[in-house]
């Protein structure tokens, strides 16, 4: 959903965007790369940080793009024209989702360098690259069916998506360097502090540089759309929304003038305002869910029109279903709603 309070944010680069295979210089030693994606969210932002490791000058890459011929071709153009003749020294991945993790194996092999990522997301990526997690296959179809998505055509398409993750992340590097909350990394003579975030991914790592007042936010803080926060079949009783909202609060001690580098959308200032906007957005959605469940017991599928006031394709529907369950689970785990498994095998929620 587009941000109705976007006017409260400031975009210092205006509408400037790097073309495929090109870069934009944001700050000394910080370059912006943009790669295409084959779904409604049609791009991902990637970052180049000037670096030196063990006396070798070069670059750190932050996030990778999906594994595709087009993305590989764009990276090769960046390597040829925008690295100043220097190598990639390491690859940092904020979290395991395919648009961030997809080319990690190719990049680390191409440059003989190490992947840096949280342990949770590394290991989940290894599992998911051989068996889709959350977005396809029999277990995903059964999970969505238990929350009211009973349309046979949609369920058949979800069952058929068993190769969803492996198609974009066919391989994961065999070794990695672990990122932890609070870990400080020296990149190009500057210190970048790891900040863990929960809810969107199991152990998402954002990077903050106090010297530059820059936050590489990954997917934890996006300017125009709300971050997807979903329950998936491997953890069906999870409460990721409460974890996500608590993680947002941990960003508030950062300076208000912080330049936020998001994975989707444009670099912006207004971190505190954006955190407030997202908190307000989810408060409103939770209130709407409570009201709907008070009117009659509801399952997740029938709340889609309430939570997402637009037509959804199948790709968007799977994410929307996960988010609908996340709002219900947050209220259920807070003991504001109770759930009942009805005779049709569907969970319905009503006030306690």
Foldseek 3Di string as FASTA:
>chain_A
DWFPVLVLWFFPVPPDDADQLGWDDDDVQKIWHKDADDDPLGIWIKIWGFFADPRFTWIEIEFQAFDDPSSVVSVVSCCVPPGVVGAHAEYEFQAQALGRQHCRQVRCVVRVHAYEYAPQRLVVNQVCLVWNWFQAADLQLLLLVQQPPDDVVLSVVRNVCGNVRNVGRNDGDPDHHHDDAQDWDQGHNFTWGWHWAFQLHHTGTWTATLVQLEIAPEQLFDSTDHRQGFAGRVHLLDQSVVRSLVSLVVCVVRDQQRFYNYGGDGTIGGSVVRNVSNVVLLVVVLVVVQVVQAVDWHGLVVCLCVNPVDDDDSSVVSSSSRRSSNSVSNCVVVQQWPWDQDPVSYITIHGD
